[in-house]
Protein backbone atom coordinates (compact mmCIF):
# COMPACT_ATOMS: atom_id res chain seq x y z
CA MET A 1 0.01 0.14 -0.11
CA ASP A 2 1.45 3.28 -1.04
CA GLU A 3 1.70 6.30 1.35
CA SER A 4 -0.84 8.35 -0.38
CA MET A 5 -3.43 5.49 -0.07
CA ARG A 6 -2.38 4.94 3.62
CA GLN A 7 -3.10 8.68 4.37
CA ALA A 8 -6.46 8.65 2.59
CA LEU A 9 -7.47 5.66 4.51
CA ALA A 10 -6.32 6.96 7.77
CA THR A 11 -8.18 10.38 7.22
CA HIS A 12 -11.36 8.39 6.41
CA ILE A 13 -11.19 6.18 9.37
CA HIS A 14 -10.43 9.05 11.91
CA VAL A 15 -13.50 10.87 10.44
CA GLU A 16 -15.66 7.94 10.91
CA VAL A 17 -14.52 7.52 14.43
CA ALA A 18 -15.14 10.99 15.28
CA ILE A 19 -18.77 11.03 13.87
CA GLY A 20 -19.31 8.18 16.33
CA ARG A 21 -22.35 6.40 14.79
CA ARG A 22 -20.51 3.08 13.52
CA THR A 23 -18.98 0.27 15.46
CA PHE A 24 -15.39 -0.68 15.06
CA GLU A 25 -16.39 -3.53 12.60
CA GLN A 26 -18.62 -1.16 10.71
CA VAL A 27 -15.83 1.38 10.35
CA VAL A 28 -13.34 -1.15 9.01
CA ARG A 29 -15.86 -2.76 6.69
CA GLY A 30 -16.90 0.79 5.36
CA ALA A 31 -13.26 1.44 4.44
CA VAL A 32 -12.85 -1.90 2.72
CA ASP A 33 -16.15 -0.91 0.65
CA VAL A 34 -14.57 2.12 -0.57
CA TRP A 35 -11.08 1.02 -1.39
CA GLY A 36 -11.04 -2.68 -1.24
CA ARG A 37 -11.28 -3.27 -4.96
CA GLU A 38 -8.41 -0.82 -5.64
CA VAL A 39 -5.71 -2.60 -3.98
CA ASP A 40 -3.60 -5.43 -4.86
CA ASP A 41 -3.26 -7.24 -1.61
CA HIS A 42 -6.83 -7.32 -0.03
CA ASP A 43 -5.75 -8.89 3.13
CA LEU A 44 -2.93 -6.45 3.86
CA PHE A 45 -5.53 -3.64 3.34
CA VAL A 46 -7.92 -5.21 5.76
CA ARG A 47 -5.15 -5.55 8.41
CA THR A 48 -3.98 -2.10 7.84
CA ALA A 49 -7.47 -0.68 8.22
CA GLY A 50 -7.86 -2.62 11.36
CA GLU A 51 -4.71 -1.32 12.83
CA ILE A 52 -5.51 2.29 11.94
CA ALA A 53 -9.08 2.06 13.40
CA GLY A 54 -7.79 0.53 16.52
CA ARG A 55 -5.25 3.39 17.20
CA ALA A 56 -8.02 5.89 16.13
CA PHE A 57 -10.44 4.41 18.63
CA ALA A 58 -7.96 4.26 21.37
CA ASP A 59 -7.25 8.05 20.83
CA HIS A 60 -10.73 9.04 20.70
CA LEU A 61 -11.52 7.28 23.93
CA ALA A 62 -8.62 8.79 25.76
CA ALA A 63 -9.49 12.41 24.49
CA GLN A 64 -13.33 11.98 25.37
CA ALA A 65 -12.35 11.24 29.10
CA ALA A 66 -11.43 14.83 29.38
CA TRP A 67 -14.57 16.29 27.57
CA PRO A 68 -17.18 18.21 29.63
CA GLU A 69 -20.44 16.34 30.61
CA VAL A 70 -22.41 18.00 27.91
CA THR A 71 -20.67 18.79 24.59
CA GLU A 72 -21.97 20.86 21.78
CA SER A 73 -22.70 17.61 19.90
CA ASP A 74 -25.01 16.73 22.82
CA ARG A 75 -26.60 20.07 22.68
CA LEU A 76 -27.33 19.64 18.91
CA SER A 77 -28.83 16.17 19.71
CA MET A 78 -31.00 17.71 22.48
CA ALA A 79 -32.27 20.39 20.12
CA MET A 80 -33.02 17.74 17.54
CA ILE A 81 -35.06 15.77 20.06
CA ASP A 82 -36.84 18.90 21.19
CA LEU A 83 -37.82 19.76 17.55
CA ALA A 84 -39.14 15.91 17.06
CA MET A 85 -41.27 16.39 20.29
CA ALA A 86 -42.64 19.59 18.95
CA GLY A 87 -43.80 17.95 15.76
CA ILE A 88 -40.76 18.41 13.46
CA LEU A 89 -39.26 15.19 12.45
CA SER A 90 -35.54 15.24 13.03
CA ARG A 91 -32.73 13.07 11.95
CA GLU A 92 -28.92 13.12 12.40
CA SER A 93 -26.35 11.80 10.19
CA TYR A 94 -29.19 10.76 8.01
CA THR A 95 -28.60 9.09 4.64
CA ASP A 96 -25.53 9.84 2.22
CA CYS A 97 -26.66 13.28 0.72
CA LEU A 98 -29.34 16.02 0.55
CA ASN A 99 -31.32 14.39 -2.27
CA CYS A 100 -31.44 10.89 -0.61
CA GLY A 101 -32.40 12.53 2.72
CA THR A 102 -35.14 14.59 1.43
CA THR A 103 -36.63 11.47 -0.36
CA GLU A 104 -36.24 9.15 2.55
CA ILE A 105 -37.61 11.67 5.15
CA GLY A 106 -40.58 12.26 2.89
CA GLY A 107 -41.31 8.47 3.14
CA GLU A 108 -41.13 8.74 7.03
CA LEU A 109 -43.33 11.72 7.11
CA ALA A 110 -46.04 9.69 5.05
CA LYS A 111 -46.35 7.39 8.07
CA LEU A 112 -46.51 10.19 10.63
CA PRO A 113 -49.43 12.38 9.82
CA GLY A 114 -49.03 14.66 12.89
CA MET A 115 -45.63 15.97 11.86
CA ARG A 116 -45.64 19.64 10.89
CA GLY A 117 -42.31 19.56 9.20
CA TYR A 118 -38.71 17.87 9.17
CA THR A 119 -35.02 18.69 9.54
CA PHE A 120 -31.97 16.64 9.18
CA TYR A 121 -28.31 16.55 8.41
CA HIS A 122 -26.74 13.92 6.27
CA GLN A 123 -23.52 11.85 6.56
CA GLN A 124 -21.57 14.23 4.32
CA ASP A 125 -22.53 17.11 6.73
CA ALA A 126 -21.48 14.92 9.76
CA GLN A 127 -18.07 14.51 7.96
CA ALA A 128 -17.72 18.15 7.49
CA ALA A 129 -18.59 18.75 11.12
CA ALA A 130 -16.21 16.23 12.47
CA GLY A 131 -13.63 18.26 10.31
CA GLY A 132 -14.69 21.56 12.16
CA GLY A 133 -17.31 22.81 9.68
CA GLY A 134 -20.43 22.65 11.67
CA VAL A 135 -23.61 21.02 10.28
CA MET A 136 -26.14 22.17 7.68
CA LEU A 137 -29.75 21.53 8.56
CA ALA A 138 -32.08 20.82 5.82
CA TYR A 139 -35.75 21.59 6.63
CA GLY A 140 -39.22 21.81 5.22
CA ALA A 141 -42.95 21.89 5.97
CA THR A 142 -45.51 19.32 5.45
CA GLY A 143 -48.86 19.96 3.59
CA ASP A 144 -49.58 23.64 3.20
CA GLY A 145 -47.18 24.65 6.07
CA ASP A 146 -44.50 27.37 5.88
CA ALA A 147 -41.00 26.35 5.48
CA THR A 148 -39.79 29.66 6.81
CA THR A 149 -41.73 29.04 10.20
CA ILE A 150 -40.06 25.66 10.41
CA GLY A 151 -36.67 27.21 9.73
CA ALA A 152 -37.25 29.77 12.54
CA GLU A 153 -38.16 27.10 15.01
CA ILE A 154 -35.09 25.22 14.27
CA VAL A 155 -32.98 28.24 14.96
CA ALA A 156 -34.70 28.97 18.07
CA ALA A 157 -34.50 25.24 19.19
CA CYS A 158 -30.68 25.32 18.68
CA ARG A 159 -30.26 28.63 20.54
CA ARG A 160 -32.24 27.49 23.51
CA ARG A 161 -29.55 24.74 23.69
CA GLY A 162 -26.80 27.24 23.68
CA LEU A 163 -25.91 26.66 19.83
CA GLU A 164 -25.43 29.83 17.54
CA ALA A 165 -27.46 28.81 14.69
CA GLU A 166 -26.86 30.89 11.42
CA TRP A 167 -29.80 31.57 9.03
CA ASP A 168 -30.85 34.58 6.90
CA GLY A 169 -34.62 33.76 7.04
CA ASP A 170 -34.42 32.37 3.25
CA ALA A 171 -36.43 29.14 3.21
CA ARG A 172 -34.24 28.28 0.18
CA GLN A 173 -31.16 28.07 2.50
CA ARG A 174 -30.13 25.48 5.04
CA VAL A 175 -29.50 26.45 8.59
CA HIS A 176 -25.86 26.47 9.55
CA VAL A 177 -25.03 25.37 13.10
CA PRO A 178 -21.37 25.81 14.15
CA VAL A 179 -20.47 22.88 16.38
CA ASP A 180 -17.27 21.92 18.29
CA TRP A 181 -17.86 18.42 17.08
CA ARG A 182 -17.33 15.86 20.14
CA ARG A 183 -19.38 12.90 19.79
CA ARG A 184 -18.75 10.23 22.63
CA ARG A 185 -18.42 6.60 22.06
CA PHE A 186 -20.03 4.13 24.54
CA GLY A 187 -20.88 0.52 24.96
CA PRO A 188 -20.74 -1.38 21.57
CA LEU A 189 -19.62 1.80 19.88
CA ALA A 190 -16.45 2.09 22.03
CA GLY A 191 -15.36 -1.54 21.62
CA HIS A 192 -12.26 -2.37 19.73
CA PRO A 193 -9.45 -4.97 19.80
CA GLY A 194 -7.40 -4.46 23.00
CA ALA A 195 -9.89 -1.99 24.43
CA PRO A 196 -8.87 -1.38 28.21
CA THR A 197 -11.13 -2.31 31.07
CA PRO A 198 -13.68 0.60 31.58
CA PRO A 199 -12.80 2.62 34.77
CA GLY A 200 -14.60 1.81 38.01
CA GLY A 201 -17.59 3.72 39.29
CA PRO A 202 -21.56 3.48 39.27
CA ALA A 203 -22.67 1.44 36.33
CA VAL A 204 -25.74 -0.56 35.41
CA PRO A 205 -26.47 -3.24 32.82
CA VAL A 206 -28.03 -1.88 29.65
CA THR A 207 -29.74 -3.18 26.70
CA PHE A 208 -31.10 -1.14 23.86
CA CYS A 209 -32.32 -1.29 20.32
CA ASP A 210 -32.15 1.41 17.51
CA TYR A 211 -33.99 0.07 14.51
CA THR A 212 -32.24 2.55 12.28
CA SER A 213 -28.75 1.58 13.48
CA ILE A 214 -27.62 -1.19 15.98
CA SER A 215 -28.96 -2.96 19.08
CA GLY A 216 -27.29 -4.18 22.10
CA ASP A 217 -29.31 -7.48 23.08
CA ASP A 218 -26.57 -8.68 25.64
CA PRO A 219 -26.43 -6.42 28.59
CA VAL A 220 -23.36 -4.15 28.80
CA ASP A 221 -22.44 -2.26 32.01
CA MET A 222 -22.63 1.47 31.32
CA SER A 223 -21.58 4.38 33.35
CA VAL A 224 -23.75 7.42 34.08
CA GLN A 225 -22.31 9.21 31.24
CA GLU A 226 -22.59 6.40 28.77
CA CYS A 227 -26.17 5.81 29.85
CA ARG A 228 -26.94 9.48 29.17
CA ASP A 229 -25.06 9.35 25.74
CA LEU A 230 -27.03 6.36 24.69
CA LEU A 231 -30.43 8.26 25.24
CA LEU A 232 -29.16 11.15 23.09
CA TRP A 233 -27.80 8.69 20.46
CA LEU A 234 -31.22 6.73 20.22
CA THR A 235 -33.06 7.82 17.21
CA PRO A 236 -36.63 9.26 17.82
CA HIS A 237 -38.33 6.44 15.99
CA ASP A 238 -41.26 4.27 17.13
CA GLY A 239 -40.21 1.28 19.00
CA ASN A 240 -36.61 2.25 19.67
CA PHE A 241 -35.85 1.58 23.45
CA ALA A 242 -33.29 1.67 26.07
CA CYS A 243 -33.53 -0.36 29.22
CA TYR A 244 -31.49 0.62 32.29
CA ARG A 245 -31.46 -2.31 34.80
CA GLY A 246 -31.21 -1.37 38.54
CA ARG A 247 -28.38 -2.45 40.92
CA SER A 248 -30.60 -2.30 44.01
CA GLY A 249 -33.97 -1.09 42.64
CA PRO A 250 -36.39 -1.44 39.57
CA THR A 251 -35.36 -1.27 35.98
CA LEU A 252 -35.95 2.08 34.26
CA GLN A 253 -36.60 1.91 30.61
CA PHE A 254 -37.46 4.33 27.76
CA MET A 255 -39.42 3.86 24.54
CA TRP A 256 -40.10 6.24 21.64
CA GLU A 257 -43.65 6.08 20.55
CA THR A 258 -45.50 7.07 17.47
CA GLY A 259 -45.90 10.88 17.55
CA MET A 260 -42.46 11.41 18.84
CA ARG A 261 -43.48 10.89 22.45
CA LEU A 262 -40.67 9.50 24.90
CA TRP A 263 -42.19 7.10 27.52
CA ALA A 264 -40.40 6.24 30.74
CA GLU A 265 -41.42 3.41 32.96
CA THR A 266 -40.46 1.12 35.77
CA PRO A 267 -41.86 -2.38 35.38
CA ASP A 268 -43.31 -4.35 38.39
CA LEU A 269 -42.95 -8.08 37.51
CA ALA A 270 -44.92 -9.11 40.64
CA ALA A 271 -47.92 -6.95 39.88
CA ARG A 272 -47.68 -7.50 36.01
CA CYS A 273 -47.71 -3.73 35.42
CA SER A 274 -45.63 -0.90 34.75
CA ARG A 275 -45.70 2.79 36.06
CA GLY A 276 -44.57 5.41 33.80
CA ARG A 277 -45.23 8.83 31.87
CA HIS A 278 -44.09 10.69 28.86
CA VAL A 279 -40.99 12.83 29.63
CA THR A 280 -38.72 15.52 28.06
CA VAL A 281 -35.25 14.70 27.21
CA ASP A 282 -34.12 16.75 30.22
CA GLU A 283 -36.30 14.84 32.46
CA ALA A 284 -35.14 11.47 30.98
CA LEU A 285 -31.50 12.50 31.50
CA GLU A 286 -32.30 13.39 35.20
CA LEU A 287 -33.99 10.06 35.73
CA ILE A 288 -30.92 8.22 34.27
CA THR A 289 -28.48 10.04 36.48
CA LEU A 290 -30.51 9.31 39.50
CA HIS A 291 -30.94 5.63 38.38
CA VAL A 292 -27.29 4.80 37.80
CA ARG A 293 -25.96 7.03 40.63
CA ASP A 294 -28.25 5.53 43.30
CA GLY A 295 -28.56 2.18 41.90
CA GLY A 296 -32.30 2.37 40.92
CA ILE A 297 -34.92 4.98 41.03
CA ALA A 298 -37.84 5.04 43.56
CA PRO A 299 -41.45 5.16 42.14
CA GLU A 300 -41.92 8.77 43.47
CA ASP A 301 -39.04 9.78 41.31
CA LEU A 302 -41.16 9.33 38.23
CA GLY A 303 -43.72 11.98 39.64
CA GLU A 304 -47.15 11.78 38.47
CA ALA A 305 -46.95 8.35 36.80
CA ARG A 306 -49.78 6.23 35.59
CA THR A 307 -50.04 2.42 35.98
CA VAL A 308 -50.32 0.45 32.77
CA PRO A 309 -51.41 -3.27 33.24
CA TRP A 310 -49.87 -5.95 31.16
């Protein structure tokens, strides 16, 4: 492998690691899909990609240990969740390009009649953001709605989360959101050959499923920070869930429902029911922090919950 190919491969892998949406195996396989047919020694290329990815993962995990609890990438995800809950379907790192994203989100909206509009940034936008360029949010309105109104709501949501969204009010222009891109890796997204044992501290076993990405069927111990990161990473999509077991109390679980509502509950196996309510993203993060730190939440921590028999 010549040096120019090696440098291009390293750049590609480092960007994918920074974006934070793909596992180690997916990052390596993605590199092979891009260049695998152009090289003479396929096995050498795969080994080299794995070695570069392993170092990139290790460097990324070492760097994120010093990041603040809430990064600008987290704030972007929180703003996108806020918008989804307000009736604007939102997607992050969505499809390959603008045209594909516009087509696919139209298909999603056809199944969600209550949505007033949409917003997303695609994978090329995520690559630009990981390189320091911020994200460009595409948007639009459904039916006879006004795209300018949707754009203004997006700007307001980002600014409420402490981001400086830039937009001139022209519905033909996407919203630019400068972001210091810092996307944490956690659980299966942090795993790589030779990964060190996670540091000690409060942790709970977690299972999850994101139908648009990956799932974790086998319980993985996650820290408070990782549990919070998982919730922000989970796509607001009907059926996606995260289940946080309690060390000394009941399980806490979240599920996205049709209409972009986030349901939080604690199941009671003996009584064959659950107690829960719909929550905001801030309420969900607070519940997760209490749950992991204290080993399990008390029923009163959910507030005015309702009982759902099984």
